Amino acid sequence: MAHSITHPINDSALVSYHRPELIRLIPQLEQAEDCWTLLNGEGLGEAKKKYLPKEEGEPSGAYEARLNRSTYTPIYRDSIRSYAGLLSRFNLIDAPPSFEENKSDVDLQGSSVQSFMTKVDELALRDGGTFIWVDIMPDNGADNFYDQLTDGRHPYFINVKRCDVISWQVSYNRGVESVDQAVIRQLKAVPDEKGYGSRVEPVYYVLTPGKVEEYQVIQNKGEQKYRNKLISTWEVSSRIVPLVWYGATTTRFGQGDLPMDGLADLSIEHFQMRSDLKELLHKCAMPVPVRKGATLGPDGKPIPLVLGPNSAVDVPTDGSFGFAEPSGKSLERHQAEIKHNEELMDRSSLNFLYGANVKTATEASLRASQVASSVSSLIRNKTAAFGRLLKLWAVYAGQEKSLTAESGIAINDALINKPLGASEMAQMVNLYTNELMSKRTTLDELQRGGVLDPDLVVADEIRRIEEEHKKQQAQQHKDNEQKLQEDLKRASEFQKQAPAQPGQDVDEKPKERAPKTEQEKTTQAAKVAQ
């Protein structure tokens, strides 16, 4: 966190000066970073010693073994990543053309806008806020405007941790906050004159409207007083300080507490209790042999005790031998405390949303409301910060006219809702089938319940459904018309072929039946005579 920097932080004449509110937050920021790195620090398990100090009289070897046996559970980091995942899906709205062209590499490190903002979200949740510095690639000396448009130069983002913006000056005009100056501390690799390696030195960038200055804090040999040394300076096209604050709890520049600080405390406490439990199990899990009235050897000392399947222990008639083991109450108490600690950690994370340590749906709903409030605040702060980022990008790119009142990002504010179950989905579909719920409401509820993609636009989907339905109706009408024409054609062909069939000639008169009775014969003869 401090980068092993020894520059004075309380001398306001030096660029290494720290704001008092930042100094008060440094212990919390260090703890948050330790929890985020799983107590590894600058090496494997390097930060464990901060939270598991050496006991008085504890041998160094036993202390190192205790540290190696202690493991840290990454609940803190996983919870922050879960929160950040709720904010990772968003849509760009009316972004400048140069931003659309370079949205797959917004930091010159190959990060897309989604991946870059996900890292920013994680830092904002971990440290209570983070800074984003907007800069533009250096000028390559193009001679004309066309060369400037085709040389590939474009603005880019630099993510700066909260602890590295060490001082700032703000002013208020009718309640509107504006940043007059900000000092950023960064590490710079400098080649080592003695060999092929390099050393890391801190540099300080002083940002003011329209200008950036780079300083070093140096100390002359034989002197104890430090002084500022100006290394370089350059002008920028932005008329405001190109540094945007993305806070987790407030939009005021550099202000706000750490929202996950309580979870960090609980995770450290969980680590310490698990370490104590492991130490108890290591020392007390095996029963200890106890011998009373040991036989003395020739030297007057008890004979060494040897245990094994082919050995025996001799004791006097008034002696005894047995094994002693702990009663287990201490272990049970430690296990119960660890379980209680894990329940408290679940209350501060998103685990309860999926059924962990939740007794009723009402309890889950009440707990979720707290998380939903925090996520909604983050969504508003992220949207506001990204809008300012796009404005600075447009200023550097000379595309301010391309911005609109809607330029920024859109995030679904229903991401915190618990996903719908199979039975709930079936009930919604049943209501729609029975015409007790409209199509629009059904799709909205399915999207809110996590069944449909949060990025899906329901109105567009309904329009597509109606267009497909019209196409299906038109195709069905066309098929029916075609089938009717085919039936008429077959009937016509059948009608043409029908007279050629025996007994179906239209000119052929029907044959009369021969008379059978005398009366019929008389009647027929009379007809013939007439």
Protein backbone atom coordinates (compact mmCIF):
# COMPACT_ATOMS: atom_id res chain seq x y z
CA MET A 1 0.00 0.00 0.00
CA ALA A 2 2.73 2.47 0.93
CA HIS A 3 5.10 1.05 -1.75
CA SER A 4 7.95 1.36 0.80
CA ILE A 5 7.99 5.12 0.18
CA THR A 6 9.62 7.20 2.89
CA HIS A 7 8.74 10.65 1.57
CA PRO A 8 7.17 13.00 4.11
CA ILE A 9 3.38 13.00 3.98
CA ASN A 10 2.63 15.85 6.39
CA ASP A 11 4.68 18.62 4.76
CA SER A 12 2.27 20.69 2.65
CA ALA A 13 5.19 22.23 0.72
CA LEU A 14 5.98 18.85 -0.89
CA VAL A 15 3.98 17.12 -3.59
CA SER A 16 4.08 13.97 -1.41
CA TYR A 17 1.70 15.66 1.08
CA HIS A 18 -1.34 13.53 2.03
CA ARG A 19 -4.79 14.83 2.82
CA PRO A 20 -5.75 14.18 6.49
CA GLU A 21 -8.87 12.20 5.56
CA LEU A 22 -6.75 9.89 3.41
CA ILE A 23 -4.27 9.35 6.26
CA ARG A 24 -7.13 8.26 8.52
CA LEU A 25 -8.27 5.74 5.90
CA ILE A 26 -4.85 4.19 5.22
CA PRO A 27 -5.19 1.39 7.88
CA GLN A 28 -8.59 0.39 6.45
CA LEU A 29 -7.27 0.52 2.89
CA GLU A 30 -4.30 -1.67 3.84
CA GLN A 31 -6.56 -4.22 5.51
CA ALA A 32 -8.86 -4.24 2.48
CA GLU A 33 -5.92 -4.87 0.16
CA ASP A 34 -4.60 -7.64 2.42
CA CYS A 35 -7.98 -9.37 2.37
CA TRP A 36 -8.19 -8.94 -1.39
CA THR A 37 -4.77 -10.52 -1.93
CA LEU A 38 -5.61 -13.38 0.50
CA LEU A 39 -3.03 -12.09 2.99
CA ASN A 40 -0.22 -12.78 0.52
CA GLY A 41 1.09 -9.21 0.39
CA GLU A 42 4.35 -9.11 -1.53
CA GLY A 43 4.87 -12.88 -1.14
CA LEU A 44 3.02 -16.08 -0.30
CA GLY A 45 1.36 -15.51 3.07
CA GLU A 46 3.52 -12.45 3.75
CA ALA A 47 0.70 -10.48 5.40
CA LYS A 48 -0.34 -13.25 7.82
CA LYS A 49 2.05 -11.94 10.46
CA LYS A 50 0.01 -8.73 10.76
CA TYR A 51 -3.03 -10.60 12.00
CA LEU A 52 -1.39 -13.59 13.72
CA PRO A 53 1.34 -12.05 15.89
CA LYS A 54 3.92 -14.17 17.65
CA GLU A 55 2.88 -15.16 21.17
CA GLU A 56 5.14 -14.39 24.10
CA GLY A 57 7.61 -17.21 24.61
CA GLU A 58 6.57 -18.99 21.40
CA PRO A 59 9.56 -20.54 19.61
CA SER A 60 10.27 -19.15 16.16
CA GLY A 61 9.98 -22.56 14.53
CA ALA A 62 6.58 -23.21 16.13
CA TYR A 63 5.40 -19.74 15.10
CA GLU A 64 6.40 -20.27 11.47
CA ALA A 65 4.69 -23.67 11.47
CA ARG A 66 1.51 -22.09 12.88
CA LEU A 67 1.54 -19.46 10.14
CA ASN A 68 1.99 -22.09 7.44
CA ARG A 69 -0.95 -24.15 8.80
CA SER A 70 -3.25 -21.12 8.85
CA THR A 71 -5.32 -20.57 5.71
CA TYR A 72 -7.45 -17.60 4.70
CA THR A 73 -10.90 -18.15 3.20
CA PRO A 74 -11.52 -15.87 0.16
CA ILE A 75 -15.10 -14.93 1.11
CA TYR A 76 -14.28 -11.22 1.07
CA ARG A 77 -12.87 -11.23 -2.46
CA ASP A 78 -15.60 -13.52 -3.79
CA SER A 79 -18.32 -11.29 -2.33
CA ILE A 80 -16.85 -8.19 -3.96
CA ARG A 81 -16.63 -9.98 -7.29
CA SER A 82 -20.26 -11.06 -6.91
CA TYR A 83 -21.32 -7.46 -6.31
CA ALA A 84 -19.23 -6.24 -9.25
CA GLY A 85 -20.78 -8.91 -11.44
CA LEU A 86 -24.18 -7.28 -10.92
CA LEU A 87 -22.82 -4.10 -12.54
CA SER A 88 -20.83 -5.68 -15.35
CA ARG A 89 -23.65 -5.81 -17.90
CA PHE A 90 -24.50 -2.47 -19.42
CA ASN A 91 -25.23 -0.89 -22.78
CA LEU A 92 -23.45 2.09 -24.30
CA ILE A 93 -25.72 4.95 -25.34
CA ASP A 94 -24.70 7.65 -27.86
CA ALA A 95 -20.95 7.28 -27.26
CA PRO A 96 -18.52 9.39 -29.33
CA PRO A 97 -17.46 7.73 -32.63
CA SER A 98 -13.83 7.40 -31.54
CA PHE A 99 -14.95 5.64 -28.36
CA GLU A 100 -17.05 3.18 -30.38
CA GLU A 101 -14.03 2.49 -32.58
CA ASN A 102 -11.71 1.84 -29.61
CA LYS A 103 -14.09 0.32 -27.05
CA SER A 104 -12.17 -2.95 -27.24
CA ASP A 105 -9.03 -1.19 -25.95
CA VAL A 106 -9.89 1.73 -23.69
CA ASP A 107 -6.75 1.66 -21.53
CA LEU A 108 -4.01 0.87 -24.11
CA GLN A 109 -3.61 -2.45 -22.28
CA GLY A 110 -6.07 -4.44 -24.39
CA SER A 111 -9.01 -4.12 -21.98
CA SER A 112 -12.51 -3.70 -23.38
CA VAL A 113 -14.82 -1.18 -21.78
CA GLN A 114 -16.67 -4.01 -19.99
CA SER A 115 -13.57 -5.63 -18.52
CA PHE A 116 -12.04 -2.28 -17.58
CA MET A 117 -15.18 -1.13 -15.77
CA THR A 118 -15.46 -4.49 -13.97
CA LYS A 119 -12.00 -3.94 -12.45
CA VAL A 120 -13.03 -0.41 -11.57
CA ASP A 121 -16.21 -1.71 -9.87
CA GLU A 122 -14.15 -4.12 -7.78
CA LEU A 123 -11.83 -1.37 -6.59
CA ALA A 124 -14.75 0.96 -5.88
CA LEU A 125 -16.35 -1.70 -3.66
CA ARG A 126 -13.09 -2.66 -2.00
CA ASP A 127 -11.72 0.83 -1.27
CA GLY A 128 -14.97 2.76 -1.17
CA GLY A 129 -14.08 4.46 -4.45
CA THR A 130 -11.49 4.75 -7.17
CA PHE A 131 -10.26 7.33 -9.68
CA ILE A 132 -10.12 7.23 -13.47
CA TRP A 133 -7.66 9.50 -15.24
CA VAL A 134 -8.49 10.38 -18.85
CA ASP A 135 -5.49 11.09 -21.07
CA ILE A 136 -4.64 11.00 -24.77
CA MET A 137 -1.80 9.34 -26.63
CA PRO A 138 1.22 11.63 -27.26
CA ASP A 139 1.30 13.66 -30.43
CA ASN A 140 3.36 12.06 -33.19
CA GLY A 141 4.13 15.34 -34.92
CA ALA A 142 1.48 15.17 -37.64
CA ASP A 143 1.66 18.13 -40.01
CA ASN A 144 -2.00 18.51 -40.90
CA PHE A 145 -5.46 17.73 -39.65
CA TYR A 146 -5.87 14.69 -41.91
CA ASP A 147 -2.72 13.12 -40.48
CA GLN A 148 -4.04 13.73 -36.98
CA LEU A 149 -7.27 11.88 -37.84
CA THR A 150 -5.46 8.91 -39.38
CA ASP A 151 -2.50 8.49 -37.02
CA GLY A 152 -4.45 6.29 -34.58
CA ARG A 153 -4.27 8.67 -31.63
CA HIS A 154 -7.18 8.41 -29.26
CA PRO A 155 -7.94 9.09 -25.58
CA TYR A 156 -7.64 6.32 -23.02
CA PHE A 157 -8.44 5.59 -19.36
CA ILE A 158 -6.03 5.04 -16.46
CA ASN A 159 -7.39 3.43 -13.32
CA VAL A 160 -5.84 5.00 -10.21
CA LYS A 161 -6.34 3.45 -6.77
CA ARG A 162 -7.76 5.59 -4.02
CA CYS A 163 -4.56 5.52 -1.97
CA ASP A 164 -2.57 6.93 -4.91
CA VAL A 165 -4.51 10.21 -5.23
CA ILE A 166 -2.84 11.69 -2.20
CA SER A 167 -4.13 15.28 -2.23
CA TRP A 168 -6.63 17.47 -4.03
CA GLN A 169 -8.27 20.86 -3.95
CA VAL A 170 -11.94 21.42 -4.74
CA SER A 171 -14.16 24.49 -4.86
CA TYR A 172 -17.91 24.97 -4.82
CA ASN A 173 -19.89 27.45 -6.88
CA ARG A 174 -23.58 27.48 -5.89
CA GLY A 175 -23.27 23.91 -4.72
CA VAL A 176 -21.52 22.68 -7.87
CA GLU A 177 -18.24 20.92 -7.07
CA SER A 178 -15.22 21.47 -9.31
CA VAL A 179 -11.71 20.07 -8.90
CA ASP A 180 -8.97 22.69 -9.00
CA GLN A 181 -5.98 20.41 -8.44
CA ALA A 182 -5.16 16.76 -7.85
CA VAL A 183 -1.87 14.99 -7.10
CA ILE A 184 -1.40 11.40 -8.28
CA ARG A 185 1.41 9.21 -6.98
CA GLN A 186 2.63 6.52 -9.35
CA LEU A 187 5.58 4.15 -9.50
CA LYS A 188 8.05 4.41 -12.34
CA ALA A 189 10.69 1.83 -13.27
CA VAL A 190 14.13 3.38 -13.67
CA PRO A 191 17.10 1.41 -15.12
CA ASP A 192 19.73 0.55 -12.55
CA GLU A 193 23.11 2.02 -13.40
CA LYS A 194 24.93 -0.88 -11.72
CA GLY A 195 23.50 -3.66 -13.87
CA TYR A 196 20.67 -4.91 -16.00
CA GLY A 197 17.98 -4.57 -13.36
CA SER A 198 15.75 -1.66 -12.57
CA ARG A 199 14.51 0.09 -9.49
CA VAL A 200 11.13 1.56 -8.75
CA GLU A 201 10.84 5.23 -7.87
CA PRO A 202 7.71 7.23 -7.07
CA VAL A 203 6.72 10.12 -9.30
CA TYR A 204 3.99 12.65 -8.69
CA TYR A 205 1.66 14.07 -11.33
CA VAL A 206 0.03 17.39 -10.51
CA LEU A 207 -3.16 17.82 -12.53
CA THR A 208 -4.62 21.29 -13.01
CA PRO A 209 -7.06 22.56 -15.67
CA GLY A 210 -5.24 22.47 -19.00
CA LYS A 211 -1.87 21.28 -17.65
CA VAL A 212 -0.08 18.25 -16.15
CA GLU A 213 3.23 18.49 -14.26
CA GLU A 214 5.51 15.59 -13.31
CA TYR A 215 7.57 15.88 -10.11
CA GLN A 216 10.04 13.89 -8.06
CA VAL A 217 10.79 14.34 -4.35
CA ILE A 218 14.53 14.20 -3.88
CA GLN A 219 16.97 14.54 -1.01
CA ASN A 220 20.47 15.83 -1.53
CA LYS A 221 23.34 13.87 -0.07
CA GLY A 222 24.19 14.94 3.42
CA GLU A 223 20.89 16.76 3.82
CA GLN A 224 17.77 15.64 5.60
CA LYS A 225 15.39 18.07 3.95
CA TYR A 226 13.41 16.98 0.87
CA ARG A 227 12.52 19.21 -2.07
CA ASN A 228 10.40 19.05 -5.22
CA LYS A 229 12.03 18.55 -8.61
CA LEU A 230 10.06 19.30 -11.78
CA ILE A 231 10.74 16.68 -14.45
CA SER A 232 8.38 17.65 -17.25
CA THR A 233 5.18 19.49 -18.02
CA TRP A 234 2.65 19.36 -20.86
CA GLU A 235 -0.61 20.96 -21.77
CA VAL A 236 -3.91 19.15 -22.27
CA SER A 237 -7.01 20.23 -24.14
CA SER A 238 -9.31 19.67 -21.17
CA ARG A 239 -10.32 22.86 -19.37
CA ILE A 240 -11.07 20.83 -16.21
CA VAL A 241 -8.97 18.39 -14.24
CA PRO A 242 -9.30 15.13 -16.25
CA LEU A 243 -9.75 12.96 -13.16
CA VAL A 244 -13.12 11.34 -12.37
CA TRP A 245 -14.09 10.02 -8.94
CA TYR A 246 -16.23 6.88 -8.87
CA GLY A 247 -17.42 6.48 -5.27
CA ALA A 248 -19.31 3.57 -3.80
CA THR A 249 -21.35 5.62 -1.34
CA THR A 250 -21.07 9.26 -2.47
CA THR A 251 -20.23 11.29 -5.55
CA ARG A 252 -18.23 13.93 -3.64
CA PHE A 253 -14.64 13.93 -4.84
CA GLY A 254 -12.44 11.59 -2.77
CA GLN A 255 -15.06 11.15 -0.05
CA GLY A 256 -16.94 8.15 1.33
CA ASP A 257 -16.28 5.18 3.58
CA LEU A 258 -15.50 1.56 2.74
CA PRO A 259 -18.81 -0.32 2.31
CA MET A 260 -17.20 -3.75 2.71
CA ASP A 261 -15.06 -2.85 5.72
CA GLY A 262 -17.27 -4.84 8.10
CA LEU A 263 -16.89 -7.95 5.96
CA ALA A 264 -13.12 -7.44 5.97
CA ASP A 265 -13.10 -7.35 9.79
CA LEU A 266 -15.20 -10.51 9.92
CA SER A 267 -12.95 -12.29 7.44
CA ILE A 268 -9.87 -11.45 9.53
CA GLU A 269 -11.64 -12.68 12.65
CA HIS A 270 -12.63 -15.83 10.78
CA PHE A 271 -8.99 -16.36 9.78
CA GLN A 272 -7.80 -15.96 13.37
CA MET A 273 -10.41 -18.35 14.80
CA ARG A 274 -9.67 -20.97 12.16
CA SER A 275 -5.99 -20.65 12.99
CA ASP A 276 -6.70 -21.20 16.70
CA LEU A 277 -8.89 -24.21 15.91
CA LYS A 278 -6.22 -25.75 13.72
CA GLU A 279 -3.65 -25.24 16.44
CA LEU A 280 -5.90 -26.97 18.96
CA LEU A 281 -6.51 -29.86 16.61
CA HIS A 282 -2.81 -30.11 15.88
CA LYS A 283 -1.88 -30.29 19.55
CA CYS A 284 -4.85 -32.03 21.11
CA ALA A 285 -6.29 -34.31 18.46
CA MET A 286 -4.08 -37.24 19.49
CA PRO A 287 -4.38 -38.71 23.02
CA VAL A 288 -1.33 -38.28 25.27
CA PRO A 289 0.08 -41.35 27.13
CA VAL A 290 0.20 -40.96 30.93
CA ARG A 291 2.27 -43.27 33.13
CA LYS A 292 2.27 -43.33 36.93
CA GLY A 293 4.99 -45.15 38.85
CA ALA A 294 7.51 -45.50 36.03
CA THR A 295 10.32 -47.99 36.57
CA LEU A 296 13.69 -46.32 37.08
CA GLY A 297 16.71 -47.34 35.12
CA PRO A 298 20.29 -47.82 36.38
CA ASP A 299 20.91 -44.11 35.99
CA GLY A 300 17.97 -43.28 38.23
CA LYS A 301 15.84 -41.93 35.39
CA PRO A 302 12.58 -43.41 34.07
CA ILE A 303 13.02 -45.89 31.26
CA PRO A 304 12.06 -44.28 27.90
CA LEU A 305 8.51 -45.11 26.92
CA VAL A 306 8.17 -47.11 23.69
CA LEU A 307 4.71 -47.62 22.18
CA GLY A 308 3.88 -50.02 19.40
CA PRO A 309 2.01 -53.20 18.51
CA ASN A 310 4.87 -55.42 19.82
CA SER A 311 5.78 -53.54 22.98
CA ALA A 312 4.47 -53.40 26.53
CA VAL A 313 4.70 -50.97 29.45
CA ASP A 314 5.79 -52.27 32.87
CA VAL A 315 4.49 -50.34 35.87
CA PRO A 316 4.68 -51.15 39.63
CA THR A 317 1.67 -52.59 41.40
CA ASP A 318 0.75 -49.16 42.70
CA GLY A 319 1.29 -47.51 39.28
CA SER A 320 -0.97 -47.07 36.31
CA PHE A 321 -0.82 -46.36 32.59
CA GLY A 322 -3.38 -44.86 30.24
CA PHE A 323 -4.13 -42.19 27.65
CA ALA A 324 -5.42 -38.72 28.36
CA GLU A 325 -7.32 -36.69 25.77
CA PRO A 326 -9.23 -33.38 25.83
CA SER A 327 -12.92 -33.42 26.60
CA GLY A 328 -13.75 -31.65 23.30
CA LYS A 329 -15.74 -28.78 24.77
CA SER A 330 -13.13 -26.26 23.69
CA LEU A 331 -13.15 -27.57 20.14
CA GLU A 332 -16.94 -27.51 19.98
CA ARG A 333 -17.00 -23.95 21.28
CA HIS A 334 -14.49 -22.84 18.63
CA GLN A 335 -16.45 -24.57 15.90
CA ALA A 336 -19.68 -22.91 17.03
CA GLU A 337 -18.02 -19.49 17.04
CA ILE A 338 -16.65 -20.06 13.54
CA LYS A 339 -20.11 -21.05 12.30
CA HIS A 340 -21.62 -17.94 13.86
CA ASN A 341 -18.93 -15.81 12.23
CA GLU A 342 -19.69 -17.38 8.84
CA GLU A 343 -23.38 -16.56 9.25
CA LEU A 344 -22.48 -12.94 9.91
CA MET A 345 -20.29 -12.94 6.81
CA ASP A 346 -23.15 -14.32 4.75
CA ARG A 347 -25.33 -11.42 5.90
CA SER A 348 -22.74 -9.03 4.47
CA SER A 349 -22.42 -10.88 1.17
CA LEU A 350 -24.73 -12.20 -1.53
CA ASN A 351 -24.81 -15.80 -0.33
CA PHE A 352 -28.19 -15.50 1.34
CA LEU A 353 -29.82 -14.63 -1.98
CA TYR A 354 -29.37 -18.23 -3.05
CA GLY A 355 -30.54 -19.94 0.12
CA ALA A 356 -27.45 -20.05 2.33
CA ASN A 357 -28.33 -19.73 6.03
CA VAL A 358 -31.82 -18.40 5.30
CA LYS A 359 -34.83 -19.86 7.07
CA THR A 360 -37.73 -18.17 5.28
CA ALA A 361 -38.41 -16.25 2.10
CA THR A 362 -39.38 -13.21 4.17
CA GLU A 363 -35.98 -13.18 5.88
CA ALA A 364 -34.26 -13.39 2.50
CA SER A 365 -36.39 -10.54 1.18
CA LEU A 366 -35.55 -8.31 4.15
CA ARG A 367 -31.86 -9.01 3.82
CA ALA A 368 -31.95 -8.52 0.05
CA SER A 369 -33.48 -5.07 0.43
CA GLN A 370 -30.30 -3.83 2.11
CA VAL A 371 -28.12 -5.19 -0.68
CA ALA A 372 -30.53 -3.86 -3.32
CA SER A 373 -30.21 -0.37 -1.85
CA SER A 374 -26.40 -0.52 -2.02
CA VAL A 375 -26.45 -1.86 -5.58
CA SER A 376 -28.91 0.84 -6.69
CA SER A 377 -26.60 3.50 -5.23
CA LEU A 378 -23.65 1.98 -7.06
CA ILE A 379 -25.60 1.97 -10.32
CA ARG A 380 -26.39 5.66 -9.97
CA ASN A 381 -22.80 6.56 -9.09
CA LYS A 382 -21.38 4.44 -11.89
CA THR A 383 -23.75 5.96 -14.43
CA ALA A 384 -22.83 9.50 -13.35
CA ALA A 385 -19.08 8.75 -13.38
CA PHE A 386 -19.19 7.14 -16.82
CA GLY A 387 -21.07 10.12 -18.21
CA ARG A 388 -18.23 12.39 -17.11
CA LEU A 389 -15.70 9.98 -18.62
CA LEU A 390 -17.40 10.16 -22.02
CA LYS A 391 -17.43 13.96 -21.87
CA LEU A 392 -13.69 14.06 -21.18
CA TRP A 393 -13.08 11.52 -23.95
CA ALA A 394 -15.09 13.65 -26.38
CA VAL A 395 -13.15 16.77 -25.37
CA TYR A 396 -9.80 15.09 -26.08
CA ALA A 397 -11.09 13.61 -29.36
CA GLY A 398 -12.70 16.86 -30.51
CA GLN A 399 -16.12 15.19 -30.74
CA GLU A 400 -18.12 17.15 -28.19
CA LYS A 401 -20.91 17.77 -30.71
CA SER A 402 -21.52 14.02 -30.96
CA LEU A 403 -22.66 13.84 -27.33
CA THR A 404 -26.33 13.94 -26.42
CA ALA A 405 -28.24 14.27 -23.18
CA GLU A 406 -28.49 10.46 -23.07
CA SER A 407 -24.78 9.73 -23.65
CA GLY A 408 -23.46 7.22 -21.11
CA ILE A 409 -24.44 3.72 -20.08
CA ALA A 410 -27.70 1.99 -19.17
CA ILE A 411 -27.72 -0.66 -16.44
CA ASN A 412 -30.65 -2.88 -15.53
CA ASP A 413 -31.65 -1.92 -11.97
CA ALA A 414 -33.48 -5.25 -11.43
CA LEU A 415 -30.28 -7.35 -11.36
CA ILE A 416 -30.54 -7.97 -7.63
CA ASN A 417 -33.80 -9.92 -7.85
CA LYS A 418 -33.69 -13.59 -7.05
CA PRO A 419 -34.02 -15.84 -10.15
CA LEU A 420 -37.43 -17.40 -10.72
CA GLY A 421 -37.91 -21.09 -10.04
CA ALA A 422 -39.46 -23.62 -12.39
CA SER A 423 -42.83 -23.54 -10.58
CA GLU A 424 -42.97 -19.73 -10.67
CA MET A 425 -42.20 -19.73 -14.39
CA ALA A 426 -44.96 -22.28 -14.98
CA GLN A 427 -47.45 -20.14 -13.05
CA MET A 428 -46.64 -17.07 -15.17
CA VAL A 429 -46.98 -19.00 -18.41
CA ASN A 430 -50.28 -20.44 -17.16
CA LEU A 431 -51.61 -16.95 -16.36
CA TYR A 432 -50.67 -15.76 -19.83
CA THR A 433 -52.22 -18.83 -21.48
CA ASN A 434 -55.50 -18.25 -19.62
CA GLU A 435 -55.41 -14.57 -20.67
CA LEU A 436 -55.04 -13.38 -17.08
CA MET A 437 -51.76 -11.58 -17.82
CA SER A 438 -50.63 -9.59 -20.85
CA LYS A 439 -47.70 -10.59 -23.02
CA ARG A 440 -45.75 -7.47 -22.05
CA THR A 441 -46.17 -8.07 -18.31
CA THR A 442 -45.18 -11.73 -18.69
CA LEU A 443 -41.96 -10.87 -20.49
CA ASP A 444 -41.16 -8.10 -18.00
CA GLU A 445 -41.57 -10.46 -15.06
CA LEU A 446 -39.49 -13.17 -16.72
CA GLN A 447 -36.74 -10.64 -17.38
CA ARG A 448 -36.89 -9.32 -13.83
CA GLY A 449 -36.66 -12.88 -12.54
CA GLY A 450 -33.49 -13.62 -14.47
CA VAL A 451 -35.06 -15.96 -17.02
CA LEU A 452 -34.54 -13.58 -19.93
CA ASP A 453 -31.37 -11.68 -20.76
CA PRO A 454 -31.23 -8.35 -18.84
CA ASP A 455 -30.09 -6.66 -22.04
CA LEU A 456 -33.20 -7.77 -23.90
CA VAL A 457 -35.50 -4.91 -24.91
CA VAL A 458 -39.01 -6.22 -24.26
CA ALA A 459 -40.71 -3.74 -26.61
CA ASP A 460 -38.47 -4.81 -29.48
CA GLU A 461 -39.09 -8.46 -28.67
CA ILE A 462 -42.88 -7.94 -28.75
CA ARG A 463 -42.54 -6.14 -32.08
CA ARG A 464 -40.54 -9.05 -33.47
CA ILE A 465 -43.12 -11.53 -32.19
CA GLU A 466 -45.92 -9.59 -33.90
CA GLU A 467 -43.95 -9.40 -37.14
CA GLU A 468 -43.30 -13.14 -37.06
CA HIS A 469 -46.98 -13.77 -36.30
CA LYS A 470 -48.00 -11.65 -39.28
CA LYS A 471 -45.55 -13.52 -41.49
CA GLN A 472 -46.92 -16.83 -40.26
CA GLN A 473 -50.50 -15.71 -40.94
CA ALA A 474 -49.56 -14.47 -44.43
CA GLN A 475 -47.73 -17.73 -45.15
CA GLN A 476 -50.68 -19.75 -43.87
CA HIS A 477 -53.09 -17.73 -46.03
CA LYS A 478 -50.80 -18.27 -49.02
CA ASP A 479 -50.63 -22.01 -48.32
CA ASN A 480 -54.44 -22.21 -48.03
CA GLU A 481 -54.88 -20.35 -51.31
CA GLN A 482 -52.42 -22.66 -53.00
CA LYS A 483 -54.15 -25.72 -51.57
CA LEU A 484 -57.54 -24.44 -52.76
CA GLN A 485 -56.19 -23.86 -56.26
CA GLU A 486 -54.74 -27.35 -56.30
CA ASP A 487 -58.10 -28.84 -55.16
CA LEU A 488 -59.98 -26.92 -57.88
CA LYS A 489 -57.48 -28.06 -60.47
CA ARG A 490 -57.86 -31.68 -59.41
CA ALA A 491 -61.68 -31.37 -59.48
CA SER A 492 -61.57 -29.87 -62.98
CA GLU A 493 -59.29 -32.61 -64.22
CA PHE A 494 -61.56 -35.22 -62.63
CA GLN A 495 -64.60 -33.64 -64.28
CA LYS A 496 -62.90 -33.82 -67.66
CA GLN A 497 -62.05 -37.46 -67.20
CA ALA A 498 -65.47 -38.46 -65.74
CA PRO A 499 -67.49 -38.84 -69.10
CA ALA A 500 -65.01 -41.37 -70.44
CA GLN A 501 -65.96 -43.74 -67.67
CA PRO A 502 -68.42 -46.53 -68.56
CA GLY A 503 -72.08 -45.63 -67.93
CA GLN A 504 -71.24 -41.91 -67.38
CA ASP A 505 -71.81 -40.61 -71.00
CA VAL A 506 -74.16 -37.64 -70.94
CA ASP A 507 -75.65 -38.54 -74.42
CA GLU A 508 -76.42 -42.10 -73.50
CA LYS A 509 -80.07 -42.65 -72.52
CA PRO A 510 -80.82 -44.85 -69.55
CA LYS A 511 -81.94 -48.31 -70.46
CA GLU A 512 -85.50 -49.34 -69.47
CA ARG A 513 -86.03 -52.34 -67.30
CA ALA A 514 -87.80 -55.31 -68.90
CA PRO A 515 -91.36 -55.91 -67.58
CA LYS A 516 -91.74 -58.78 -65.27
CA THR A 517 -95.48 -58.97 -64.37
CA GLU A 518 -98.57 -59.23 -66.71
CA GLN A 519 -99.77 -55.78 -65.68
CA GLU A 520 -96.42 -54.26 -66.55
CA LYS A 521 -96.46 -56.02 -69.93
CA THR A 522 -99.99 -54.69 -70.71
CA THR A 523 -98.98 -51.14 -69.73
CA GLN A 524 -95.87 -51.28 -71.87
CA ALA A 525 -97.83 -52.57 -74.89
CA ALA A 526 -100.30 -49.70 -74.53
CA LYS A 527 -97.49 -47.17 -74.56
CA VAL A 528 -96.01 -48.70 -77.68
CA ALA A 529 -99.45 -48.65 -79.43
CA GLN A 530 -99.87 -45.01 -78.71
